[in-house]
């Protein structure tokens, strides 16, 4: 009999749904206080997770949930990096969005 491995679950700060850790994008606040995108999910520091969807990213930014989760202001460069990582970003972005 094979043993099933437990899949780590994390909550998206945008939609607040629990999903598998590998399905989500991670933003980390390092011990030095820097905010960075973490593609590996293994950097040291406080992390916040977001679904790879524009709707989740926009609601996390608009409601300042990403900022609250990391207890630090989010630089615009990190938001731009997250937008680039979203598969549906090009099709649903408008110039008026935050």
C-alpha atoms as a PDB file:
ATOM      1  CA  UNK A   1       0.000   0.000   0.000  1.00  0.00           C
ATOM      2  CA  UNK A   2       1.390   3.402  -1.003  1.00  0.00           C
ATOM      3  CA  UNK A   3       1.368   6.256   1.423  1.00  0.00           C
ATOM      4  CA  UNK A   4      -0.288   9.473   0.209  1.00  0.00           C
ATOM      5  CA  UNK A   5       1.680  12.643   0.789  1.00  0.00           C
ATOM      6  CA  UNK A   6      -0.055  15.614   2.282  1.00  0.00           C
ATOM      7  CA  UNK A   7      -0.252  18.560  -0.123  1.00  0.00           C
ATOM      8  CA  UNK A   8       0.544  21.865   1.632  1.00  0.00           C
ATOM      9  CA  UNK A   9      -2.379  24.287   1.459  1.00  0.00           C
ATOM     10  CA  UNK A  10      -2.139  28.084   1.486  1.00  0.00           C
ATOM     11  CA  UNK A  11      -4.742  30.840   1.345  1.00  0.00           C
ATOM     12  CA  UNK A  12      -4.812  33.336  -1.502  1.00  0.00           C
ATOM     13  CA  UNK A  13      -4.852  36.901  -0.138  1.00  0.00           C
ATOM     14  CA  UNK A  14      -7.031  37.967  -3.086  1.00  0.00           C
ATOM     15  CA  UNK A  15      -9.928  35.489  -3.142  1.00  0.00           C
ATOM     16  CA  UNK A  16      -9.210  33.928   0.291  1.00  0.00           C
ATOM     17  CA  UNK A  17      -9.562  30.376  -1.036  1.00  0.00           C
ATOM     18  CA  UNK A  18      -7.357  27.538   0.167  1.00  0.00           C
ATOM     19  CA  UNK A  19      -5.315  26.028  -2.675  1.00  0.00           C
ATOM     20  CA  UNK A  20      -2.225  23.906  -3.131  1.00  0.00           C
ATOM     21  CA  UNK A  21       0.975  25.803  -2.388  1.00  0.00           C
ATOM     22  CA  UNK A  22       2.431  25.057  -5.841  1.00  0.00           C
ATOM     23  CA  UNK A  23      -0.620  26.554  -7.605  1.00  0.00           C
ATOM     24  CA  UNK A  24      -0.032  29.987  -6.064  1.00  0.00           C
ATOM     25  CA  UNK A  25       2.479  32.813  -6.553  1.00  0.00           C
ATOM     26  CA  UNK A  26       4.503  33.785  -3.462  1.00  0.00           C
ATOM     27  CA  UNK A  27       5.668  37.226  -2.411  1.00  0.00           C
ATOM     28  CA  UNK A  28       8.089  37.311   0.509  1.00  0.00           C
ATOM     29  CA  UNK A  29       9.310  39.910   2.986  1.00  0.00           C
ATOM     30  CA  UNK A  30      12.881  38.909   3.771  1.00  0.00           C
ATOM     31  CA  UNK A  31      14.379  39.219   7.269  1.00  0.00           C
ATOM     32  CA  UNK A  32      16.185  42.334   5.969  1.00  0.00           C
ATOM     33  CA  UNK A  33      12.803  43.927   5.187  1.00  0.00           C
ATOM     34  CA  UNK A  34      12.964  43.671   1.387  1.00  0.00           C
ATOM     35  CA  UNK A  35       9.872  42.649  -0.593  1.00  0.00           C
ATOM     36  CA  UNK A  36      10.570  40.182  -3.400  1.00  0.00           C
ATOM     37  CA  UNK A  37       8.823  37.728  -5.725  1.00  0.00           C
ATOM     38  CA  UNK A  38       9.678  34.136  -4.745  1.00  0.00           C
ATOM     39  CA  UNK A  39       9.337  31.730  -7.691  1.00  0.00           C
ATOM     40  CA  UNK A  40      10.792  28.798  -5.707  1.00  0.00           C
ATOM     41  CA  UNK A  41       8.630  29.269  -2.608  1.00  0.00           C
ATOM     42  CA  UNK A  42      11.654  28.617  -0.398  1.00  0.00           C
ATOM     43  CA  UNK A  43      13.095  32.043   0.419  1.00  0.00           C
ATOM     44  CA  UNK A  44      13.363  32.861   4.101  1.00  0.00           C
ATOM     45  CA  UNK A  45      10.870  35.356   5.457  1.00  0.00           C
ATOM     46  CA  UNK A  46       7.180  36.090   5.775  1.00  0.00           C
ATOM     47  CA  UNK A  47       5.260  35.011   2.700  1.00  0.00           C
ATOM     48  CA  UNK A  48       1.932  35.871   1.116  1.00  0.00           C
ATOM     49  CA  UNK A  49       0.292  33.828  -1.624  1.00  0.00           C
ATOM     50  CA  UNK A  50      -1.801  34.924  -4.616  1.00  0.00           C
ATOM     51  CA  UNK A  51      -3.695  32.936  -7.241  1.00  0.00           C
ATOM     52  CA  UNK A  52      -2.317  33.425 -10.760  1.00  0.00           C
ATOM     53  CA  UNK A  53      -5.400  35.436 -11.784  1.00  0.00           C
ATOM     54  CA  UNK A  54      -5.784  39.155 -12.439  1.00  0.00           C
ATOM     55  CA  UNK A  55      -8.961  39.325 -10.341  1.00  0.00           C
ATOM     56  CA  UNK A  56      -7.170  37.987  -7.254  1.00  0.00           C
ATOM     57  CA  UNK A  57      -4.186  40.293  -7.687  1.00  0.00           C
ATOM     58  CA  UNK A  58      -6.402  43.351  -8.183  1.00  0.00           C
ATOM     59  CA  UNK A  59      -8.542  42.584  -5.122  1.00  0.00           C
ATOM     60  CA  UNK A  60      -5.421  41.936  -3.005  1.00  0.00           C
ATOM     61  CA  UNK A  61      -3.957  45.296  -4.056  1.00  0.00           C
ATOM     62  CA  UNK A  62      -7.211  47.238  -3.814  1.00  0.00           C
ATOM     63  CA  UNK A  63      -8.065  45.870  -0.374  1.00  0.00           C
ATOM     64  CA  UNK A  64      -4.418  46.265   0.736  1.00  0.00           C
ATOM     65  CA  UNK A  65      -4.480  42.595   1.768  1.00  0.00           C
ATOM     66  CA  UNK A  66      -1.057  41.888   0.306  1.00  0.00           C
ATOM     67  CA  UNK A  67       0.337  44.862   2.207  1.00  0.00           C
ATOM     68  CA  UNK A  68      -1.300  43.697   5.455  1.00  0.00           C
ATOM     69  CA  UNK A  69      -0.137  40.095   5.029  1.00  0.00           C
ATOM     70  CA  UNK A  70       3.496  41.167   4.653  1.00  0.00           C
ATOM     71  CA  UNK A  71       3.198  44.007   7.186  1.00  0.00           C
ATOM     72  CA  UNK A  72       5.050  46.285   4.749  1.00  0.00           C
ATOM     73  CA  UNK A  73       4.354  48.527   1.734  1.00  0.00           C
ATOM     74  CA  UNK A  74       4.545  46.730  -1.612  1.00  0.00           C
ATOM     75  CA  UNK A  75       6.836  48.369  -4.204  1.00  0.00           C
ATOM     76  CA  UNK A  76       5.310  48.933  -7.678  1.00  0.00           C
ATOM     77  CA  UNK A  77       8.088  46.804  -9.227  1.00  0.00           C
ATOM     78  CA  UNK A  78       6.829  43.717  -7.367  1.00  0.00           C
ATOM     79  CA  UNK A  79       3.267  44.351  -8.534  1.00  0.00           C
ATOM     80  CA  UNK A  80       4.572  44.639 -12.111  1.00  0.00           C
ATOM     81  CA  UNK A  81       6.451  41.326 -11.754  1.00  0.00           C
ATOM     82  CA  UNK A  82       3.294  39.642 -10.438  1.00  0.00           C
ATOM     83  CA  UNK A  83       1.248  41.018 -13.345  1.00  0.00           C
ATOM     84  CA  UNK A  84       3.794  39.579 -15.802  1.00  0.00           C
ATOM     85  CA  UNK A  85       3.490  36.133 -14.176  1.00  0.00           C
ATOM     86  CA  UNK A  86      -0.280  36.021 -14.655  1.00  0.00           C
ATOM     87  CA  UNK A  87      -1.343  33.916 -17.652  1.00  0.00           C
ATOM     88  CA  UNK A  88      -4.517  35.944 -18.318  1.00  0.00           C
ATOM     89  CA  UNK A  89      -2.964  39.373 -17.662  1.00  0.00           C
ATOM     90  CA  UNK A  90      -2.699  40.487 -21.274  1.00  0.00           C
ATOM     91  CA  UNK A  91      -6.290  39.650 -22.174  1.00  0.00           C
ATOM     92  CA  UNK A  92      -8.015  41.343 -19.236  1.00  0.00           C
ATOM     93  CA  UNK A  93      -5.840  44.359 -18.363  1.00  0.00           C
ATOM     94  CA  UNK A  94      -7.086  47.868 -18.934  1.00  0.00           C
ATOM     95  CA  UNK A  95      -5.276  51.173 -18.520  1.00  0.00           C
ATOM     96  CA  UNK A  96      -7.616  52.184 -15.668  1.00  0.00           C
ATOM     97  CA  UNK A  97      -6.766  49.256 -13.398  1.00  0.00           C
ATOM     98  CA  UNK A  98      -4.579  49.718 -10.338  1.00  0.00           C
END
